[in-house]
């Protein structure tokens, strides 16, 4: 599963809605029998995603993927979280 975007208002952050939404994505992917969730971390969000179990995608990345990551801007990082299907 690819998680394209996640945005939570300041009021929602106080209620940990971001955490709850990530949990829902992970659970849904597991229910579907998928083995990973992937995303592109941008705007300094890498540490946030690491706290949710994501890590940098292992190299080597294809030239096409490297070019796509560059389109997100400097510092964009492909990240993945491995899943155990339920």
PDB file of N, CA and C in Angstrom:
ATOM      1  N   UNK A   1       0.858  -1.154   0.000  1.00  0.00           N
ATOM      2  CA  UNK A   1       0.000   0.000   0.000  1.00  0.00           C
ATOM      3  C   UNK A   1       0.908   1.221   0.000  1.00  0.00           C
ATOM      4  N   UNK A   2       0.493   2.230  -0.721  1.00  0.00           N
ATOM      5  CA  UNK A   2       1.241   3.480  -0.767  1.00  0.00           C
ATOM      6  C   UNK A   2       0.417   4.563  -0.085  1.00  0.00           C
ATOM      7  N   UNK A   3       0.979   5.173   0.926  1.00  0.00           N
ATOM      8  CA  UNK A   3       0.341   6.273   1.650  1.00  0.00           C
ATOM      9  C   UNK A   3       0.836   7.568   1.039  1.00  0.00           C
ATOM     10  N   UNK A   4      -0.029   8.247   0.317  1.00  0.00           N
ATOM     11  CA  UNK A   4       0.403   9.433  -0.417  1.00  0.00           C
ATOM     12  C   UNK A   4       0.509  10.670   0.449  1.00  0.00           C
ATOM     13  N   UNK A   5      -0.442  10.876   1.315  1.00  0.00           N
ATOM     14  CA  UNK A   5      -0.452  12.116   2.096  1.00  0.00           C
ATOM     15  C   UNK A   5      -1.191  11.893   3.406  1.00  0.00           C
ATOM     16  N   UNK A   6      -0.756  12.621   4.410  1.00  0.00           N
ATOM     17  CA  UNK A   6      -1.442  12.609   5.696  1.00  0.00           C
ATOM     18  C   UNK A   6      -1.318  14.001   6.284  1.00  0.00           C
ATOM     19  N   UNK A   7      -2.443  14.635   6.500  1.00  0.00           N
ATOM     20  CA  UNK A   7      -2.448  15.982   7.081  1.00  0.00           C
ATOM     21  C   UNK A   7      -3.485  16.009   8.200  1.00  0.00           C
ATOM     22  N   UNK A   8      -3.077  16.592   9.325  1.00  0.00           N
ATOM     23  CA  UNK A   8      -3.956  16.683  10.486  1.00  0.00           C
ATOM     24  C   UNK A   8      -3.899  18.110  11.004  1.00  0.00           C
ATOM     25  N   UNK A   9      -5.050  18.662  11.310  1.00  0.00           N
ATOM     26  CA  UNK A   9      -5.110  20.027  11.839  1.00  0.00           C
ATOM     27  C   UNK A   9      -4.475  20.070  13.230  1.00  0.00           C
ATOM     28  N   UNK A  10      -4.083  21.265  13.672  1.00  0.00           N
ATOM     29  CA  UNK A  10      -3.512  21.376  15.021  1.00  0.00           C
ATOM     30  C   UNK A  10      -4.439  20.818  16.106  1.00  0.00           C
ATOM     31  N   UNK A  11      -5.720  21.039  15.964  1.00  0.00           N
ATOM     32  CA  UNK A  11      -6.664  20.510  16.959  1.00  0.00           C
ATOM     33  C   UNK A  11      -6.657  18.985  16.955  1.00  0.00           C
ATOM     34  N   UNK A  12      -6.525  18.392  15.779  1.00  0.00           N
ATOM     35  CA  UNK A  12      -6.475  16.934  15.667  1.00  0.00           C
ATOM     36  C   UNK A  12      -5.190  16.358  16.208  1.00  0.00           C
ATOM     37  N   UNK A  13      -4.109  17.116  16.101  1.00  0.00           N
ATOM     38  CA  UNK A  13      -2.817  16.635  16.615  1.00  0.00           C
ATOM     39  C   UNK A  13      -2.889  16.432  18.127  1.00  0.00           C
ATOM     40  N   UNK A  14      -3.585  17.314  18.794  1.00  0.00           N
ATOM     41  CA  UNK A  14      -3.719  17.190  20.245  1.00  0.00           C
ATOM     42  C   UNK A  14      -4.464  15.904  20.621  1.00  0.00           C
ATOM     43  N   UNK A  15      -5.267  15.393  19.710  1.00  0.00           N
ATOM     44  CA  UNK A  15      -6.017  14.154  19.937  1.00  0.00           C
ATOM     45  C   UNK A  15      -5.305  12.932  19.362  1.00  0.00           C
ATOM     46  N   UNK A  16      -4.065  13.134  18.876  1.00  0.00           N
ATOM     47  CA  UNK A  16      -3.256  12.057  18.288  1.00  0.00           C
ATOM     48  C   UNK A  16      -3.922  11.422  17.071  1.00  0.00           C
ATOM     49  N   UNK A  17      -4.628  12.235  16.291  1.00  0.00           N
ATOM     50  CA  UNK A  17      -5.311  11.700  15.114  1.00  0.00           C
ATOM     51  C   UNK A  17      -4.334  11.171  14.072  1.00  0.00           C
ATOM     52  N   UNK A  18      -3.170  11.788  13.945  1.00  0.00           N
ATOM     53  CA  UNK A  18      -2.175  11.289  12.999  1.00  0.00           C
ATOM     54  C   UNK A  18      -1.796   9.860  13.327  1.00  0.00           C
ATOM     55  N   UNK A  19      -1.512   9.600  14.576  1.00  0.00           N
ATOM     56  CA  UNK A  19      -1.161   8.256  15.022  1.00  0.00           C
ATOM     57  C   UNK A  19      -2.301   7.276  14.729  1.00  0.00           C
ATOM     58  N   UNK A  20      -3.510   7.681  15.027  1.00  0.00           N
ATOM     59  CA  UNK A  20      -4.671   6.815  14.802  1.00  0.00           C
ATOM     60  C   UNK A  20      -4.884   6.539  13.321  1.00  0.00           C
ATOM     61  N   UNK A  21      -4.668   7.550  12.477  1.00  0.00           N
ATOM     62  CA  UNK A  21      -4.819   7.347  11.037  1.00  0.00           C
ATOM     63  C   UNK A  21      -3.756   6.392  10.489  1.00  0.00           C
ATOM     64  N   UNK A  22      -2.534   6.530  10.956  1.00  0.00           N
ATOM     65  CA  UNK A  22      -1.473   5.611  10.519  1.00  0.00           C
ATOM     66  C   UNK A  22      -1.814   4.193  10.952  1.00  0.00           C
ATOM     67  N   UNK A  23      -2.309   4.030  12.172  1.00  0.00           N
ATOM     68  CA  UNK A  23      -2.712   2.695  12.632  1.00  0.00           C
ATOM     69  C   UNK A  23      -3.799   2.114  11.733  1.00  0.00           C
ATOM     70  N   UNK A  24      -4.753   2.939  11.321  1.00  0.00           N
ATOM     71  CA  UNK A  24      -5.819   2.463  10.439  1.00  0.00           C
ATOM     72  C   UNK A  24      -5.266   2.009   9.085  1.00  0.00           C
ATOM     73  N   UNK A  25      -4.334   2.766   8.535  1.00  0.00           N
ATOM     74  CA  UNK A  25      -3.712   2.391   7.262  1.00  0.00           C
ATOM     75  C   UNK A  25      -3.000   1.047   7.409  1.00  0.00           C
ATOM     76  N   UNK A  26      -2.216   0.911   8.470  1.00  0.00           N
ATOM     77  CA  UNK A  26      -1.475  -0.333   8.697  1.00  0.00           C
ATOM     78  C   UNK A  26      -2.432  -1.507   8.869  1.00  0.00           C
ATOM     79  N   UNK A  27      -3.455  -1.344   9.670  1.00  0.00           N
ATOM     80  CA  UNK A  27      -4.410  -2.431   9.892  1.00  0.00           C
ATOM     81  C   UNK A  27      -5.134  -2.806   8.607  1.00  0.00           C
ATOM     82  N   UNK A  28      -5.507  -1.827   7.825  1.00  0.00           N
ATOM     83  CA  UNK A  28      -6.200  -2.116   6.561  1.00  0.00           C
ATOM     84  C   UNK A  28      -5.282  -2.869   5.607  1.00  0.00           C
ATOM     85  N   UNK A  29      -4.040  -2.441   5.512  1.00  0.00           N
ATOM     86  CA  UNK A  29      -3.082  -3.134   4.646  1.00  0.00           C
ATOM     87  C   UNK A  29      -2.886  -4.576   5.107  1.00  0.00           C
ATOM     88  N   UNK A  30      -2.791  -4.784   6.422  1.00  0.00           N
ATOM     89  CA  UNK A  30      -2.651  -6.138   6.950  1.00  0.00           C
ATOM     90  C   UNK A  30      -3.884  -6.979   6.628  1.00  0.00           C
ATOM     91  N   UNK A  31      -5.077  -6.405   6.799  1.00  0.00           N
ATOM     92  CA  UNK A  31      -6.314  -7.114   6.481  1.00  0.00           C
ATOM     93  C   UNK A  31      -6.361  -7.535   5.019  1.00  0.00           C
ATOM     94  N   UNK A  32      -5.729  -6.735   4.161  1.00  0.00           N
ATOM     95  CA  UNK A  32      -5.703  -7.028   2.729  1.00  0.00           C
ATOM     96  C   UNK A  32      -4.602  -8.029   2.372  1.00  0.00           C
ATOM     97  N   UNK A  33      -3.809  -8.435   3.359  1.00  0.00           N
ATOM     98  CA  UNK A  33      -2.745  -9.393   3.124  1.00  0.00           C
ATOM     99  C   UNK A  33      -1.489  -8.789   2.516  1.00  0.00           C
ATOM    100  N   UNK A  34      -1.373  -7.458   2.576  1.00  0.00           N
ATOM    101  CA  UNK A  34      -0.206  -6.789   2.011  1.00  0.00           C
ATOM    102  C   UNK A  34       0.982  -6.936   2.945  1.00  0.00           C
ATOM    103  N   UNK A  35       2.176  -6.834   2.378  1.00  0.00           N
ATOM    104  CA  UNK A  35       3.390  -7.059   3.162  1.00  0.00           C
ATOM    105  C   UNK A  35       4.124  -5.779   3.525  1.00  0.00           C
ATOM    106  N   UNK A  36       3.672  -4.635   2.994  1.00  0.00           N
ATOM    107  CA  UNK A  36       4.343  -3.389   3.352  1.00  0.00           C
ATOM    108  C   UNK A  36       3.475  -2.182   3.039  1.00  0.00           C
ATOM    109  N   UNK A  37       3.801  -1.091   3.725  1.00  0.00           N
ATOM    110  CA  UNK A  37       3.248   0.227   3.427  1.00  0.00           C
ATOM    111  C   UNK A  37       4.447   1.092   3.060  1.00  0.00           C
ATOM    112  N   UNK A  38       4.320   1.865   1.987  1.00  0.00           N
ATOM    113  CA  UNK A  38       5.398   2.738   1.543  1.00  0.00           C
ATOM    114  C   UNK A  38       4.888   4.169   1.477  1.00  0.00           C
ATOM    115  N   UNK A  39       5.835   5.105   1.577  1.00  0.00           N
ATOM    116  CA  UNK A  39       5.498   6.523   1.469  1.00  0.00           C
ATOM    117  C   UNK A  39       6.755   7.301   1.130  1.00  0.00           C
ATOM    118  N   UNK A  40       6.565   8.558   0.760  1.00  0.00           N
ATOM    119  CA  UNK A  40       7.689   9.460   0.550  1.00  0.00           C
ATOM    120  C   UNK A  40       7.626  10.509   1.654  1.00  0.00           C
ATOM    121  N   UNK A  41       8.654  10.522   2.490  1.00  0.00           N
ATOM    122  CA  UNK A  41       8.742  11.512   3.563  1.00  0.00           C
ATOM    123  C   UNK A  41       9.285  12.813   2.981  1.00  0.00           C
ATOM    124  N   UNK A  42       8.581  13.908   3.231  1.00  0.00           N
ATOM    125  CA  UNK A  42       8.980  15.221   2.731  1.00  0.00           C
ATOM    126  C   UNK A  42       8.937  16.237   3.865  1.00  0.00           C
ATOM    127  N   UNK A  43       9.509  17.389   3.613  1.00  0.00           N
ATOM    128  CA  UNK A  43       9.443  18.529   4.534  1.00  0.00           C
ATOM    129  C   UNK A  43       9.878  18.170   5.959  1.00  0.00           C
ATOM    130  N   UNK A  44      10.950  17.397   6.064  1.00  0.00           N
ATOM    131  CA  UNK A  44      11.490  17.076   7.379  1.00  0.00           C
ATOM    132  C   UNK A  44      10.672  16.104   8.207  1.00  0.00           C
ATOM    133  N   UNK A  45       9.828  15.302   7.564  1.00  0.00           N
ATOM    134  CA  UNK A  45       8.943  14.404   8.306  1.00  0.00           C
ATOM    135  C   UNK A  45       9.532  13.016   8.560  1.00  0.00           C
ATOM    136  N   UNK A  46      10.762  12.800   8.154  1.00  0.00           N
ATOM    137  CA  UNK A  46      11.369  11.469   8.267  1.00  0.00           C
ATOM    138  C   UNK A  46      11.312  10.937   9.708  1.00  0.00           C
ATOM    139  N   UNK A  47      11.676  11.734  10.682  1.00  0.00           N
ATOM    140  CA  UNK A  47      11.667  11.281  12.077  1.00  0.00           C
ATOM    141  C   UNK A  47      10.251  10.898  12.534  1.00  0.00           C
ATOM    142  N   UNK A  48       9.256  11.642  12.078  1.00  0.00           N
ATOM    143  CA  UNK A  48       7.862  11.317  12.409  1.00  0.00           C
ATOM    144  C   UNK A  48       7.535   9.904  11.934  1.00  0.00           C
ATOM    145  N   UNK A  49       7.879   9.607  10.675  1.00  0.00           N
ATOM    146  CA  UNK A  49       7.562   8.305  10.111  1.00  0.00           C
ATOM    147  C   UNK A  49       8.384   7.200  10.759  1.00  0.00           C
ATOM    148  N   UNK A  50       9.607   7.500  11.153  1.00  0.00           N
ATOM    149  CA  UNK A  50      10.412   6.506  11.869  1.00  0.00           C
ATOM    150  C   UNK A  50       9.735   6.114  13.177  1.00  0.00           C
ATOM    151  N   UNK A  51       9.122   7.073  13.850  1.00  0.00           N
ATOM    152  CA  UNK A  51       8.403   6.774  15.101  1.00  0.00           C
ATOM    153  C   UNK A  51       7.216   5.849  14.862  1.00  0.00           C
ATOM    154  N   UNK A  52       6.755   5.784  13.625  1.00  0.00           N
ATOM    155  CA  UNK A  52       5.628   4.913  13.268  1.00  0.00           C
ATOM    156  C   UNK A  52       6.089   3.626  12.593  1.00  0.00           C
ATOM    157  N   UNK A  53       7.376   3.320  12.727  1.00  0.00           N
ATOM    158  CA  UNK A  53       7.880   2.037  12.243  1.00  0.00           C
ATOM    159  C   UNK A  53       8.387   2.022  10.816  1.00  0.00           C
ATOM    160  N   UNK A  54       8.465   3.176  10.170  1.00  0.00           N
ATOM    161  CA  UNK A  54       8.971   3.233   8.797  1.00  0.00           C
ATOM    162  C   UNK A  54      10.481   3.427   8.816  1.00  0.00           C
ATOM    163  N   UNK A  55      11.136   2.896   7.795  1.00  0.00           N
ATOM    164  CA  UNK A  55      12.573   3.094   7.645  1.00  0.00           C
ATOM    165  C   UNK A  55      12.883   3.343   6.176  1.00  0.00           C
ATOM    166  N   UNK A  56      14.076   3.875   5.929  1.00  0.00           N
ATOM    167  CA  UNK A  56      14.485   4.169   4.551  1.00  0.00           C
ATOM    168  C   UNK A  56      14.414   2.900   3.706  1.00  0.00           C
ATOM    169  N   UNK A  57      13.901   3.046   2.484  1.00  0.00           N
ATOM    170  CA  UNK A  57      13.853   1.920   1.555  1.00  0.00           C
ATOM    171  C   UNK A  57      15.271   1.503   1.220  1.00  0.00           C
ATOM    172  N   UNK A  58      15.475   0.224   1.119  1.00  0.00           N
ATOM    173  CA  UNK A  58      16.803  -0.287   0.828  1.00  0.00           C
ATOM    174  C   UNK A  58      17.198  -0.002  -0.611  1.00  0.00           C
ATOM    175  N   UNK A  59      18.462   0.315  -0.794  1.00  0.00           N
ATOM    176  CA  UNK A  59      19.018   0.529  -2.135  1.00  0.00           C
ATOM    177  C   UNK A  59      19.275  -0.844  -2.752  1.00  0.00           C
ATOM    178  N   UNK A  60      19.391  -0.951  -4.025  1.00  0.00           N
ATOM    179  CA  UNK A  60      19.397   0.168  -4.978  1.00  0.00           C
ATOM    180  C   UNK A  60      17.986   0.525  -5.428  1.00  0.00           C
ATOM    181  N   UNK A  61      17.780   1.798  -5.672  1.00  0.00           N
ATOM    182  CA  UNK A  61      16.524   2.277  -6.235  1.00  0.00           C
ATOM    183  C   UNK A  61      16.712   2.443  -7.739  1.00  0.00           C
ATOM    184  N   UNK A  62      15.652   2.203  -8.483  1.00  0.00           N
ATOM    185  CA  UNK A  62      15.736   2.352  -9.936  1.00  0.00           C
ATOM    186  C   UNK A  62      15.947   3.822 -10.302  1.00  0.00           C
ATOM    187  N   UNK A  63      16.493   4.065 -11.484  1.00  0.00           N
ATOM    188  CA  UNK A  63      16.686   5.440 -11.960  1.00  0.00           C
ATOM    189  C   UNK A  63      15.360   6.182 -12.022  1.00  0.00           C
ATOM    190  N   UNK A  64      14.296   5.487 -12.451  1.00  0.00           N
ATOM    191  CA  UNK A  64      12.975   6.120 -12.542  1.00  0.00           C
ATOM    192  C   UNK A  64      12.479   6.541 -11.161  1.00  0.00           C
ATOM    193  N   UNK A  65      12.716   5.704 -10.160  1.00  0.00           N
ATOM    194  CA  UNK A  65      12.278   6.036  -8.806  1.00  0.00           C
ATOM    195  C   UNK A  65      13.102   7.187  -8.233  1.00  0.00           C
ATOM    196  N   UNK A  66      14.383   7.197  -8.490  1.00  0.00           N
ATOM    197  CA  UNK A  66      15.231   8.303  -8.041  1.00  0.00           C
ATOM    198  C   UNK A  66      14.765   9.611  -8.663  1.00  0.00           C
ATOM    199  N   UNK A  67      14.409   9.570  -9.940  1.00  0.00           N
ATOM    200  CA  UNK A  67      13.911  10.773 -10.626  1.00  0.00           C
ATOM    201  C   UNK A  67      12.580  11.222 -10.018  1.00  0.00           C
ATOM    202  N   UNK A  68      11.709  10.273  -9.724  1.00  0.00           N
ATOM    203  CA  UNK A  68      10.418  10.596  -9.116  1.00  0.00           C
ATOM    204  C   UNK A  68      10.619  11.224  -7.732  1.00  0.00           C
ATOM    205  N   UNK A  69      11.521  10.669  -6.929  1.00  0.00           N
ATOM    206  CA  UNK A  69      11.795  11.237  -5.616  1.00  0.00           C
ATOM    207  C   UNK A  69      12.299  12.665  -5.725  1.00  0.00           C
ATOM    208  N   UNK A  70      13.135  12.928  -6.718  1.00  0.00           N
ATOM    209  CA  UNK A  70      13.669  14.284  -6.916  1.00  0.00           C
ATOM    210  C   UNK A  70      12.549  15.283  -7.177  1.00  0.00           C
ATOM    211  N   UNK A  71      11.452  14.821  -7.776  1.00  0.00           N
ATOM    212  CA  UNK A  71      10.336  15.727  -8.070  1.00  0.00           C
ATOM    213  C   UNK A  71       9.631  16.209  -6.799  1.00  0.00           C
ATOM    214  N   UNK A  72       9.848  15.523  -5.675  1.00  0.00           N
ATOM    215  CA  UNK A  72       9.252  15.921  -4.401  1.00  0.00           C
ATOM    216  C   UNK A  72      10.068  16.999  -3.702  1.00  0.00           C
ATOM    217  N   UNK A  73      11.277  17.252  -4.180  1.00  0.00           N
ATOM    218  CA  UNK A  73      12.123  18.275  -3.582  1.00  0.00           C
ATOM    219  C   UNK A  73      13.271  17.673  -2.792  1.00  0.00           C
ATOM    220  N   UNK A  74      14.143  18.540  -2.380  1.00  0.00           N
ATOM    221  CA  UNK A  74      15.342  18.136  -1.645  1.00  0.00           C
ATOM    222  C   UNK A  74      14.969  17.421  -0.348  1.00  0.00           C
ATOM    223  N   UNK A  75      15.633  16.330  -0.080  1.00  0.00           N
ATOM    224  CA  UNK A  75      15.417  15.610   1.166  1.00  0.00           C
ATOM    225  C   UNK A  75      14.283  14.602   1.147  1.00  0.00           C
ATOM    226  N   UNK A  76      13.589  14.465   0.028  1.00  0.00           N
ATOM    227  CA  UNK A  76      12.514  13.475  -0.047  1.00  0.00           C
ATOM    228  C   UNK A  76      13.117  12.080   0.090  1.00  0.00           C
ATOM    229  N   UNK A  77      12.489  11.248   0.911  1.00  0.00           N
ATOM    230  CA  UNK A  77      13.014   9.918   1.203  1.00  0.00           C
ATOM    231  C   UNK A  77      11.917   8.879   1.048  1.00  0.00           C
ATOM    232  N   UNK A  78      12.191   7.847   0.258  1.00  0.00           N
ATOM    233  CA  UNK A  78      11.264   6.725   0.167  1.00  0.00           C
ATOM    234  C   UNK A  78      11.419   5.881   1.421  1.00  0.00           C
ATOM    235  N   UNK A  79      10.293   5.620   2.086  1.00  0.00           N
ATOM    236  CA  UNK A  79      10.306   4.846   3.322  1.00  0.00           C
ATOM    237  C   UNK A  79       9.294   3.710   3.227  1.00  0.00           C
ATOM    238  N   UNK A  80       9.602   2.633   3.942  1.00  0.00           N
ATOM    239  CA  UNK A  80       8.722   1.468   3.950  1.00  0.00           C
ATOM    240  C   UNK A  80       8.571   0.939   5.365  1.00  0.00           C
ATOM    241  N   UNK A  81       7.432   0.322   5.588  1.00  0.00           N
ATOM    242  CA  UNK A  81       7.190  -0.396   6.843  1.00  0.00           C
ATOM    243  C   UNK A  81       6.723  -1.789   6.480  1.00  0.00           C
ATOM    244  N   UNK A  82       7.475  -2.784   6.904  1.00  0.00           N
ATOM    245  CA  UNK A  82       7.092  -4.169   6.653  1.00  0.00           C
ATOM    246  C   UNK A  82       5.934  -4.550   7.558  1.00  0.00           C
ATOM    247  N   UNK A  83       5.069  -5.396   7.021  1.00  0.00           N
ATOM    248  CA  UNK A  83       3.875  -5.804   7.754  1.00  0.00           C
ATOM    249  C   UNK A  83       3.827  -7.322   7.872  1.00  0.00           C
ATOM    250  N   UNK A  84       3.176  -7.783   8.914  1.00  0.00           N
ATOM    251  CA  UNK A  84       2.859  -9.189   9.056  1.00  0.00           C
ATOM    252  C   UNK A  84       1.362  -9.317   8.829  1.00  0.00           C
ATOM    253  N   UNK A  85       0.967  -9.943   7.705  1.00  0.00           N
ATOM    254  CA  UNK A  85      -0.477 -10.063   7.447  1.00  0.00           C
ATOM    255  C   UNK A  85      -1.173 -10.826   8.585  1.00  0.00           C
ATOM    256  N   UNK A  86      -2.414 -10.450   8.838  1.00  0.00           N
ATOM    257  CA  UNK A  86      -3.186 -11.114   9.899  1.00  0.00           C
ATOM    258  C   UNK A  86      -4.011 -12.238   9.328  1.00  0.00           C
TER     259      UNK A  86
END
